Protein backbone atom coordinates (compact mmCIF):
# COMPACT_ATOMS: atom_id res chain seq x y z
CA ASP A 1 -61.73 59.49 3.64
CA ALA A 2 -64.81 60.96 1.93
CA ALA A 3 -65.09 63.68 4.47
CA LEU A 4 -61.29 64.41 4.06
CA PRO A 5 -60.20 67.30 1.94
CA GLU A 6 -58.42 66.77 -1.34
CA ASP A 7 -55.08 67.46 0.19
CA GLY A 8 -55.65 65.26 3.15
CA ARG A 9 -56.70 62.17 1.01
CA HIS A 10 -53.40 62.56 -0.96
CA GLY A 11 -51.47 62.89 2.20
CA ALA A 12 -53.05 59.56 3.69
CA ALA A 13 -52.48 58.02 0.42
CA ALA A 14 -48.84 59.05 0.50
CA ARG A 15 -48.30 57.83 4.02
CA ARG A 16 -50.04 54.42 3.20
CA ALA A 17 -47.77 54.16 0.15
CA ARG A 18 -44.54 55.04 2.29
CA ALA A 19 -45.67 52.45 5.10
CA ILE A 20 -46.31 49.74 2.29
CA ALA A 21 -42.74 50.72 0.79
CA ALA A 22 -41.03 50.54 4.21
CA VAL A 23 -42.68 47.11 4.68
CA ALA A 24 -41.70 45.80 1.70
CA CYS A 25 -38.04 47.24 1.98
CA LEU A 26 -38.00 45.20 5.48
CA MET A 27 -39.44 42.15 3.98
CA ALA A 28 -36.75 42.35 1.32
CA TRP A 29 -34.18 42.84 3.64
CA CYS A 30 -35.28 40.00 5.73
CA THR A 31 -35.63 37.72 2.79
CA ARG A 32 -31.91 38.56 1.71
CA ARG A 33 -30.67 38.06 5.15
CA LEU A 34 -32.69 34.49 5.21
CA VAL A 35 -31.25 33.74 1.82
CA ALA A 36 -27.78 34.67 2.81
CA GLY A 37 -28.16 32.64 6.18
CA GLN A 38 -29.35 29.51 4.29
CA ARG A 39 -26.39 29.91 1.89
CA ALA A 40 -24.11 30.40 4.53
CA THR A 41 -25.59 27.04 6.42
CA LEU A 42 -25.36 25.29 3.02
CA ALA A 43 -21.59 26.33 2.62
CA LEU A 44 -20.86 25.38 6.19
CA ARG A 45 -22.54 21.97 5.95
CA ASP A 46 -20.71 21.23 2.54
CA ARG A 47 -17.29 22.36 4.24
CA VAL A 48 -18.13 20.02 7.23
CA GLN A 49 -19.04 17.10 4.86
CA GLU A 50 -15.93 17.78 2.98
CA ARG A 51 -13.69 17.85 5.91
CA SER A 52 -15.27 14.91 7.24
CA LEU A 53 -14.66 12.76 4.20
CA ALA A 54 -11.14 13.92 4.09
CA LEU A 55 -10.59 12.90 7.46
CA ALA A 56 -12.09 9.60 6.85
CA GLN A 57 -9.71 9.22 3.83
CA ARG A 58 -6.91 10.15 5.94
CA ASN A 59 -8.06 7.72 8.54
CA ARG A 60 -8.19 4.92 6.20
CA ASP A 61 -4.86 5.93 4.83
CA LEU A 62 -3.40 5.84 7.96
CA MET A 63 -4.97 2.54 8.86
CA GLU A 64 -3.72 1.05 5.60
CA ARG A 65 -0.22 2.34 6.13
CA GLN A 66 -0.29 0.99 9.82
CA ASP A 67 -1.11 -2.49 8.59
CA LEU A 68 1.48 -2.31 5.92
CA GLU A 69 4.09 -1.13 8.52
CA VAL A 70 2.90 -3.91 10.94
CA ARG A 71 3.44 -6.49 8.13
CA CYS A 72 6.44 -5.38 6.98
CA ALA A 73 7.83 -5.53 10.90
CA VAL A 74 6.70 -9.04 10.83
CA LEU A 75 8.18 -10.01 8.05
CA ASP A 76 11.52 -8.42 8.85
CA GLU A 77 11.40 -10.04 12.22
CA ARG A 78 11.03 -13.45 10.43
CA GLY A 79 13.99 -12.65 8.24
CA ARG A 80 16.04 -11.59 11.22
CA ILE A 81 15.32 -15.11 12.97
CA ALA A 82 16.12 -16.92 9.88
CA ARG A 83 19.65 -15.05 9.82
CA GLU A 84 20.14 -15.58 13.40
CA ILE A 85 19.64 -19.36 12.93
CA HIS A 86 21.60 -19.85 9.87
CA ASP A 87 24.55 -17.73 11.26
CA ASN A 88 24.72 -19.01 14.80
CA VAL A 89 22.87 -22.29 15.22
CA GLY A 90 23.53 -23.60 11.43
CA HIS A 91 27.35 -22.78 11.99
CA LEU A 92 27.59 -24.33 15.25
CA LEU A 93 25.87 -27.60 14.25
CA THR A 94 28.02 -27.73 11.17
CA ARG A 95 31.41 -27.30 13.26
CA SER A 96 30.16 -29.95 15.51
CA LEU A 97 29.39 -32.28 12.87
CA LEU A 98 32.82 -31.82 11.42
CA GLN A 99 34.49 -32.18 14.76
CA VAL A 100 32.65 -35.42 15.35
CA LYS A 101 33.62 -36.86 12.01
CA ALA A 102 37.27 -35.92 12.64
CA LEU A 103 37.28 -37.71 15.82
CA ARG A 104 35.72 -40.67 14.03
CA VAL A 105 38.55 -40.91 11.48
CA THR A 106 40.96 -41.10 14.25
CA CYS A 107 38.96 -43.26 16.76
CA GLU A 108 40.19 -46.84 16.98
CA ASP A 109 37.84 -47.99 19.75
CA VAL A 110 35.01 -49.60 18.21
CA ASP A 111 32.46 -49.03 20.71
CA ALA A 112 33.45 -45.09 20.61
CA ALA A 113 33.26 -45.06 16.99
CA ALA A 114 29.82 -46.31 17.04
CA GLY A 115 28.98 -43.52 19.50
CA LEU A 116 30.40 -40.97 17.33
CA ASP A 117 28.77 -42.45 14.39
CA ALA A 118 25.30 -42.19 16.18
CA VAL A 119 26.21 -38.52 17.27
CA ALA A 120 27.06 -37.51 13.79
CA ALA A 121 23.62 -38.81 12.38
CA THR A 122 22.10 -36.79 15.24
CA LEU A 123 23.84 -33.75 14.23
CA ASP A 124 23.23 -34.29 10.44
CA GLU A 125 19.67 -34.88 11.13
CA ALA A 126 19.56 -31.68 13.30
CA LEU A 127 21.32 -29.51 10.58
CA GLY A 128 18.88 -30.53 8.15
CA THR A 129 15.73 -29.82 10.32
CA VAL A 130 17.58 -26.40 10.84
CA ARG A 131 18.05 -25.74 7.17
CA ALA A 132 14.47 -26.57 6.35
CA SER A 133 13.15 -24.35 9.31
CA VAL A 134 15.45 -21.30 8.03
CA HIS A 135 14.20 -21.91 4.35
CA ASP A 136 10.76 -21.90 5.69
CA LEU A 137 11.18 -18.82 7.58
CA HIS A 138 12.87 -17.27 4.73
CA ASP A 139 10.14 -17.76 2.29
CA ASP A 140 7.65 -16.76 5.08
CA ALA A 141 9.59 -13.72 5.28
CA PHE A 142 8.90 -12.74 1.74
CA ASP A 143 5.19 -11.55 0.76
CA ALA A 144 4.71 -10.45 -2.79
CA ARG A 145 1.99 -7.91 -1.87
CA THR A 146 3.77 -6.45 1.22
CA SER A 147 7.05 -6.15 -0.99
CA LEU A 148 5.14 -4.43 -3.87
CA GLU A 149 3.44 -2.04 -1.52
CA ARG A 150 6.83 -1.23 0.18
CA VAL A 151 8.47 -0.43 -3.20
CA VAL A 152 5.57 1.61 -4.33
CA ASP A 153 5.12 3.45 -1.02
CA GLY A 154 8.80 4.25 -1.18
CA TRP A 155 8.89 5.89 -4.70
CA GLU A 156 9.95 9.50 -3.92
CA ALA A 157 9.60 10.94 -7.33
CA GLY A 158 5.79 11.47 -7.20
CA ASP A 159 2.45 9.78 -6.45
CA ALA A 160 2.39 5.78 -7.08
CA THR A 161 -0.33 3.60 -6.54
CA LEU A 162 -0.67 -0.25 -6.51
CA ALA A 163 -3.67 -2.46 -7.87
CA TYR A 164 -3.06 -5.93 -6.34
CA GLU A 165 -5.53 -8.35 -7.72
CA ALA A 166 -3.68 -11.68 -7.30
CA GLY A 167 -3.51 -14.54 -4.65
CA PRO A 168 -0.13 -15.83 -2.95
CA LEU A 169 2.40 -16.19 -5.56
CA PRO A 170 5.31 -18.68 -5.89
CA GLN A 171 8.69 -17.27 -4.40
CA PRO A 172 10.47 -17.08 -7.83
CA VAL A 173 7.89 -15.39 -9.37
CA ALA A 174 7.28 -12.88 -6.40
CA TYR A 175 10.92 -12.19 -6.56
CA ALA A 176 11.12 -11.59 -10.10
CA LEU A 177 7.88 -9.33 -10.06
CA VAL A 178 9.14 -7.07 -7.17
CA ALA A 179 12.71 -6.89 -9.00
CA VAL A 180 10.98 -5.70 -12.40
CA THR A 181 8.84 -3.18 -10.21
CA ARG A 182 11.39 -1.71 -8.55
CA GLU A 183 13.83 -1.37 -11.55
CA ALA A 184 10.75 0.03 -13.65
CA LEU A 185 9.88 2.71 -11.05
CA SER A 186 13.74 3.59 -10.95
CA ASN A 187 13.83 3.86 -14.52
CA ALA A 188 10.49 6.10 -14.59
CA ALA A 189 12.15 8.68 -12.34
CA ARG A 190 15.71 8.71 -13.84
CA HIS A 191 14.81 8.35 -17.73
CA GLY A 192 11.14 9.43 -18.05
CA ASP A 193 10.90 12.24 -15.34
CA ALA A 194 7.57 10.49 -14.43
CA ARG A 195 5.45 12.19 -11.66
CA SER A 196 2.81 9.51 -11.52
CA VAL A 197 2.87 5.77 -11.64
CA THR A 198 0.41 3.05 -11.64
CA VAL A 199 1.51 -0.51 -10.90
CA GLU A 200 -1.13 -3.34 -11.41
CA LEU A 201 -0.90 -6.98 -10.94
CA VAL A 202 -3.60 -9.06 -12.03
CA GLU A 203 -3.74 -12.99 -11.75
CA TYR A 204 -5.31 -15.00 -14.60
CA PRO A 205 -6.01 -18.76 -14.95
CA GLY A 206 -2.73 -19.41 -16.83
CA PHE A 207 -0.59 -16.35 -15.88
CA TRP A 208 0.00 -13.22 -13.99
CA ARG A 209 0.25 -9.77 -15.55
CA LEU A 210 2.22 -6.94 -14.12
CA THR A 211 1.48 -3.89 -15.80
CA ILE A 212 3.51 -0.36 -14.70
CA ALA A 213 2.28 2.84 -16.48
CA ASP A 214 3.68 6.25 -15.70
CA ASP A 215 2.98 9.97 -17.33
CA GLY A 216 6.81 10.60 -17.98
CA ALA A 217 8.14 10.85 -21.48
CA GLY A 218 8.33 7.68 -23.11
CA PRO A 219 8.69 6.15 -26.83
CA THR A 220 5.07 6.39 -27.53
CA ALA A 221 3.79 9.27 -29.24
CA ARG A 222 0.83 10.35 -26.97
CA GLY A 223 3.08 10.58 -24.03
CA GLY A 224 3.69 8.19 -21.06
CA PHE A 225 5.08 5.09 -21.05
CA ALA A 226 4.07 1.45 -19.86
CA VAL A 227 5.63 -1.74 -19.24
CA ARG A 228 3.57 -4.96 -19.36
CA ALA A 229 4.93 -8.40 -18.52
CA SER A 230 3.15 -11.59 -18.49
CA ILE A 231 4.57 -14.59 -16.44
CA PRO A 232 2.96 -18.15 -17.07
CA ARG A 233 2.22 -20.35 -14.24
CA PRO A 234 5.06 -22.82 -13.22
CA ASP A 235 2.70 -25.82 -14.08
CA GLU A 236 1.52 -24.77 -17.40
CA GLU A 237 5.07 -23.59 -18.36
CA ALA A 238 6.30 -27.18 -17.37
CA ALA A 239 3.52 -28.75 -19.51
């Protein structure tokens, strides 16, 4: 470089500067492409993860709904069997028992009367067994949690959720809670213009607490409306 004339040295320096600038521009462009690629990769990963979570949640919802439909189908079938036994077998046994007793009244033969008494006793025992079976099937056909889930799932005015924290309930308590929930959801939609409802049933040592809260217009100043009912246990109520 020392042997080059002044203009040559300036020209070489300019060429080196341009080369360095070109390399810097190329590196900056590559860096921007790399950063953009990394951002695109992260965005794609986030979208995939979000969709995976959404699909997993949807799968859980479908499984829960399938379980609910299976339980409802089982309970409906038990109820149908109970009605069939009551309407068919029960009525036939009752009619047969009445016919045997009518024959017993008009029968004058002692041996035949004794036989009719035995038949009447057998029919009466069979009728009692059928009644007990029908009552058991009817009780088994009504499950508090499944019935509440069916009521909440069938609310068409908006989103309804159920928080169930209780064990098996006595039939009178279960019937009362389901009836209260059904009426409360109906009132929330018709009178409160609610779009979101939360139903919570909690079991305590001495009672069950049912809380129904919605976001509709209610008598409270802050908006929303809540109904809370506490039902004592039958043993403590009797005590």
